[in-house]
């Protein structure tokens, strides 16, 4: 346990994470029944999770 970093110290030399969020054009909406089946109201997002 001597090699552990205590929680009271801040790690400043390490980049922990970086988010990548592409720009999306959400122009149209699905019908409510179709949106419930797809899990989203935006048809542009459906192809991502197929």
PDB file of N, CA and C in Angstrom:
ATOM      1  N   UNK A   1       0.811  -1.204   0.000  1.00  0.00           N
ATOM      2  CA  UNK A   1       0.000   0.000   0.000  1.00  0.00           C
ATOM      3  C   UNK A   1       0.850   1.261   0.000  1.00  0.00           C
ATOM      4  N   UNK A   2       2.130   1.160   0.054  1.00  0.00           N
ATOM      5  CA  UNK A   2       2.994   2.330   0.091  1.00  0.00           C
ATOM      6  C   UNK A   2       3.014   3.071  -1.252  1.00  0.00           C
ATOM      7  N   UNK A   3       2.628   2.406  -2.350  1.00  0.00           N
ATOM      8  CA  UNK A   3       2.655   3.021  -3.678  1.00  0.00           C
ATOM      9  C   UNK A   3       1.364   3.764  -4.031  1.00  0.00           C
ATOM     10  N   UNK A   4       0.379   3.772  -3.158  1.00  0.00           N
ATOM     11  CA  UNK A   4      -0.908   4.419  -3.440  1.00  0.00           C
ATOM     12  C   UNK A   4      -0.808   5.933  -3.270  1.00  0.00           C
ATOM     13  N   UNK A   5      -1.571   6.663  -4.084  1.00  0.00           N
ATOM     14  CA  UNK A   5      -1.665   8.111  -3.951  1.00  0.00           C
ATOM     15  C   UNK A   5      -2.856   8.423  -3.048  1.00  0.00           C
ATOM     16  N   UNK A   6      -2.665   9.135  -1.967  1.00  0.00           N
ATOM     17  CA  UNK A   6      -3.786   9.480  -1.085  1.00  0.00           C
ATOM     18  C   UNK A   6      -4.808  10.363  -1.799  1.00  0.00           C
ATOM     19  N   UNK A   7      -6.045  10.289  -1.381  1.00  0.00           N
ATOM     20  CA  UNK A   7      -7.116  11.053  -2.011  1.00  0.00           C
ATOM     21  C   UNK A   7      -6.997  12.549  -1.773  1.00  0.00           C
ATOM     22  N   UNK A   8      -6.213  12.976  -0.802  1.00  0.00           N
ATOM     23  CA  UNK A   8      -6.111  14.402  -0.517  1.00  0.00           C
ATOM     24  C   UNK A   8      -5.136  15.115  -1.451  1.00  0.00           C
ATOM     25  N   UNK A   9      -4.498  14.380  -2.363  1.00  0.00           N
ATOM     26  CA  UNK A   9      -3.575  14.984  -3.327  1.00  0.00           C
ATOM     27  C   UNK A   9      -4.238  15.051  -4.699  1.00  0.00           C
ATOM     28  N   UNK A  10      -3.968  16.119  -5.428  1.00  0.00           N
ATOM     29  CA  UNK A  10      -4.511  16.291  -6.765  1.00  0.00           C
ATOM     30  C   UNK A  10      -3.481  15.853  -7.796  1.00  0.00           C
ATOM     31  N   UNK A  11      -3.914  15.074  -8.765  1.00  0.00           N
ATOM     32  CA  UNK A  11      -3.034  14.640  -9.845  1.00  0.00           C
ATOM     33  C   UNK A  11      -3.112  15.707 -10.936  1.00  0.00           C
ATOM     34  N   UNK A  12      -2.038  16.439 -11.154  1.00  0.00           N
ATOM     35  CA  UNK A  12      -2.066  17.549 -12.109  1.00  0.00           C
ATOM     36  C   UNK A  12      -1.358  17.237 -13.423  1.00  0.00           C
ATOM     37  N   UNK A  13      -0.581  16.180 -13.487  1.00  0.00           N
ATOM     38  CA  UNK A  13       0.191  15.901 -14.696  1.00  0.00           C
ATOM     39  C   UNK A  13      -0.508  14.906 -15.614  1.00  0.00           C
ATOM     40  N   UNK A  14      -1.686  14.435 -15.249  1.00  0.00           N
ATOM     41  CA  UNK A  14      -2.377  13.423 -16.022  1.00  0.00           C
ATOM     42  C   UNK A  14      -3.677  13.986 -16.582  1.00  0.00           C
ATOM     43  N   UNK A  15      -3.900  13.779 -17.874  1.00  0.00           N
ATOM     44  CA  UNK A  15      -5.159  14.150 -18.501  1.00  0.00           C
ATOM     45  C   UNK A  15      -6.099  12.958 -18.319  1.00  0.00           C
ATOM     46  N   UNK A  16      -7.141  13.112 -17.519  1.00  0.00           N
ATOM     47  CA  UNK A  16      -7.977  11.991 -17.146  1.00  0.00           C
ATOM     48  C   UNK A  16      -9.000  11.616 -18.215  1.00  0.00           C
ATOM     49  N   UNK A  17      -9.586  12.589 -18.893  1.00  0.00           N
ATOM     50  CA  UNK A  17     -10.599  12.280 -19.895  1.00  0.00           C
ATOM     51  C   UNK A  17     -10.802  13.472 -20.824  1.00  0.00           C
ATOM     52  N   UNK A  18     -11.331  13.163 -22.003  1.00  0.00           N
ATOM     53  CA  UNK A  18     -11.683  14.209 -22.953  1.00  0.00           C
ATOM     54  C   UNK A  18     -12.932  13.743 -23.697  1.00  0.00           C
ATOM     55  N   UNK A  19     -13.941  14.565 -23.716  1.00  0.00           N
ATOM     56  CA  UNK A  19     -15.189  14.212 -24.388  1.00  0.00           C
ATOM     57  C   UNK A  19     -15.132  14.608 -25.860  1.00  0.00           C
ATOM     58  N   UNK A  20     -15.719  13.771 -26.707  1.00  0.00           N
ATOM     59  CA  UNK A  20     -15.867  14.091 -28.118  1.00  0.00           C
ATOM     60  C   UNK A  20     -17.356  14.050 -28.428  1.00  0.00           C
ATOM     61  N   UNK A  21     -17.914  15.188 -28.774  1.00  0.00           N
ATOM     62  CA  UNK A  21     -19.334  15.280 -29.085  1.00  0.00           C
ATOM     63  C   UNK A  21     -19.478  15.886 -30.478  1.00  0.00           C
ATOM     64  N   UNK A  22     -19.828  15.065 -31.462  1.00  0.00           N
ATOM     65  CA  UNK A  22     -19.973  15.616 -32.807  1.00  0.00           C
ATOM     66  C   UNK A  22     -21.208  16.510 -32.901  1.00  0.00           C
ATOM     67  N   UNK A  23     -21.136  17.497 -33.773  1.00  0.00           N
ATOM     68  CA  UNK A  23     -22.265  18.397 -34.005  1.00  0.00           C
ATOM     69  C   UNK A  23     -23.323  17.634 -34.794  1.00  0.00           C
ATOM     70  N   UNK A  24     -24.542  17.662 -34.308  1.00  0.00           N
ATOM     71  CA  UNK A  24     -25.633  16.957 -34.971  1.00  0.00           C
ATOM     72  C   UNK A  24     -26.727  17.948 -35.339  1.00  0.00           C
ATOM     73  N   UNK A  25     -27.308  17.760 -36.515  1.00  0.00           N
ATOM     74  CA  UNK A  25     -28.437  18.577 -36.946  1.00  0.00           C
ATOM     75  C   UNK A  25     -29.703  17.774 -36.685  1.00  0.00           C
ATOM     76  N   UNK A  26     -30.449  18.165 -35.679  1.00  0.00           N
ATOM     77  CA  UNK A  26     -31.673  17.471 -35.324  1.00  0.00           C
ATOM     78  C   UNK A  26     -32.854  18.292 -35.837  1.00  0.00           C
ATOM     79  N   UNK A  27     -33.253  18.005 -37.078  1.00  0.00           N
ATOM     80  CA  UNK A  27     -34.236  18.844 -37.759  1.00  0.00           C
ATOM     81  C   UNK A  27     -35.648  18.280 -37.738  1.00  0.00           C
ATOM     82  N   UNK A  28     -35.778  16.956 -37.688  1.00  0.00           N
ATOM     83  CA  UNK A  28     -37.105  16.348 -37.761  1.00  0.00           C
ATOM     84  C   UNK A  28     -37.379  15.528 -36.505  1.00  0.00           C
ATOM     85  N   UNK A  29     -38.649  15.232 -36.287  1.00  0.00           N
ATOM     86  CA  UNK A  29     -39.060  14.422 -35.146  1.00  0.00           C
ATOM     87  C   UNK A  29     -39.842  13.208 -35.629  1.00  0.00           C
ATOM     88  N   UNK A  30     -39.713  12.103 -34.921  1.00  0.00           N
ATOM     89  CA  UNK A  30     -40.480  10.899 -35.235  1.00  0.00           C
ATOM     90  C   UNK A  30     -41.879  11.003 -34.652  1.00  0.00           C
ATOM     91  N   UNK A  31     -42.754  10.176 -35.159  1.00  0.00           N
ATOM     92  CA  UNK A  31     -44.078  10.017 -34.566  1.00  0.00           C
ATOM     93  C   UNK A  31     -43.906   9.398 -33.182  1.00  0.00           C
ATOM     94  N   UNK A  32     -44.791   9.697 -32.234  1.00  0.00           N
ATOM     95  CA  UNK A  32     -44.623   9.203 -30.859  1.00  0.00           C
ATOM     96  C   UNK A  32     -44.470   7.682 -30.736  1.00  0.00           C
ATOM     97  N   UNK A  33     -45.276   6.903 -31.475  1.00  0.00           N
ATOM     98  CA  UNK A  33     -45.188   5.442 -31.380  1.00  0.00           C
ATOM     99  C   UNK A  33     -43.842   4.945 -31.896  1.00  0.00           C
ATOM    100  N   UNK A  34     -43.407   5.478 -33.008  1.00  0.00           N
ATOM    101  CA  UNK A  34     -42.124   5.085 -33.586  1.00  0.00           C
ATOM    102  C   UNK A  34     -40.977   5.511 -32.673  1.00  0.00           C
ATOM    103  N   UNK A  35     -41.092   6.666 -32.041  1.00  0.00           N
ATOM    104  CA  UNK A  35     -40.052   7.158 -31.137  1.00  0.00           C
ATOM    105  C   UNK A  35     -39.913   6.262 -29.912  1.00  0.00           C
ATOM    106  N   UNK A  36     -41.027   5.771 -29.391  1.00  0.00           N
ATOM    107  CA  UNK A  36     -40.962   4.858 -28.251  1.00  0.00           C
ATOM    108  C   UNK A  36     -40.247   3.563 -28.607  1.00  0.00           C
ATOM    109  N   UNK A  37     -40.473   3.060 -29.797  1.00  0.00           N
ATOM    110  CA  UNK A  37     -39.815   1.830 -30.234  1.00  0.00           C
ATOM    111  C   UNK A  37     -38.320   2.047 -30.482  1.00  0.00           C
ATOM    112  N   UNK A  38     -37.966   3.223 -30.981  1.00  0.00           N
ATOM    113  CA  UNK A  38     -36.569   3.522 -31.297  1.00  0.00           C
ATOM    114  C   UNK A  38     -35.780   3.988 -30.077  1.00  0.00           C
ATOM    115  N   UNK A  39     -36.466   4.497 -29.059  1.00  0.00           N
ATOM    116  CA  UNK A  39     -35.783   4.995 -27.874  1.00  0.00           C
ATOM    117  C   UNK A  39     -35.334   6.436 -27.978  1.00  0.00           C
ATOM    118  N   UNK A  40     -35.718   7.099 -29.047  1.00  0.00           N
ATOM    119  CA  UNK A  40     -35.385   8.514 -29.246  1.00  0.00           C
ATOM    120  C   UNK A  40     -36.416   9.132 -30.167  1.00  0.00           C
ATOM    121  N   UNK A  41     -36.613  10.419 -30.053  1.00  0.00           N
ATOM    122  CA  UNK A  41     -37.544  11.126 -30.924  1.00  0.00           C
ATOM    123  C   UNK A  41     -36.827  11.683 -32.159  1.00  0.00           C
ATOM    124  N   UNK A  42     -35.504  11.640 -32.144  1.00  0.00           N
ATOM    125  CA  UNK A  42     -34.705  12.192 -33.239  1.00  0.00           C
ATOM    126  C   UNK A  42     -34.235  11.077 -34.177  1.00  0.00           C
ATOM    127  N   UNK A  43     -34.697  11.039 -35.418  1.00  0.00           N
ATOM    128  CA  UNK A  43     -34.315   9.962 -36.335  1.00  0.00           C
ATOM    129  C   UNK A  43     -32.818   9.947 -36.664  1.00  0.00           C
ATOM    130  N   UNK A  44     -32.151  11.074 -36.549  1.00  0.00           N
ATOM    131  CA  UNK A  44     -30.717  11.123 -36.837  1.00  0.00           C
ATOM    132  C   UNK A  44     -29.899  10.288 -35.855  1.00  0.00           C
ATOM    133  N   UNK A  45     -30.435  10.043 -34.662  1.00  0.00           N
ATOM    134  CA  UNK A  45     -29.707   9.288 -33.645  1.00  0.00           C
ATOM    135  C   UNK A  45     -29.919   7.783 -33.712  1.00  0.00           C
ATOM    136  N   UNK A  46     -30.888   7.332 -34.483  1.00  0.00           N
ATOM    137  CA  UNK A  46     -31.209   5.912 -34.545  1.00  0.00           C
ATOM    138  C   UNK A  46     -30.091   5.117 -35.192  1.00  0.00           C
ATOM    139  N   UNK A  47     -29.493   5.600 -36.260  1.00  0.00           N
ATOM    140  CA  UNK A  47     -28.456   4.852 -36.983  1.00  0.00           C
ATOM    141  C   UNK A  47     -27.202   4.647 -36.140  1.00  0.00           C
ATOM    142  N   UNK A  48     -26.962   5.491 -35.169  1.00  0.00           N
ATOM    143  CA  UNK A  48     -25.759   5.384 -34.353  1.00  0.00           C
ATOM    144  C   UNK A  48     -25.751   4.100 -33.543  1.00  0.00           C
ATOM    145  N   UNK A  49     -26.906   3.661 -33.077  1.00  0.00           N
ATOM    146  CA  UNK A  49     -26.976   2.552 -32.137  1.00  0.00           C
ATOM    147  C   UNK A  49     -27.433   1.241 -32.772  1.00  0.00           C
ATOM    148  N   UNK A  50     -27.485   1.163 -34.077  1.00  0.00           N
ATOM    149  CA  UNK A  50     -27.883  -0.102 -34.737  1.00  0.00           C
ATOM    150  C   UNK A  50     -26.763  -1.106 -34.691  1.00  0.00           C
TER     151      UNK A  50
END
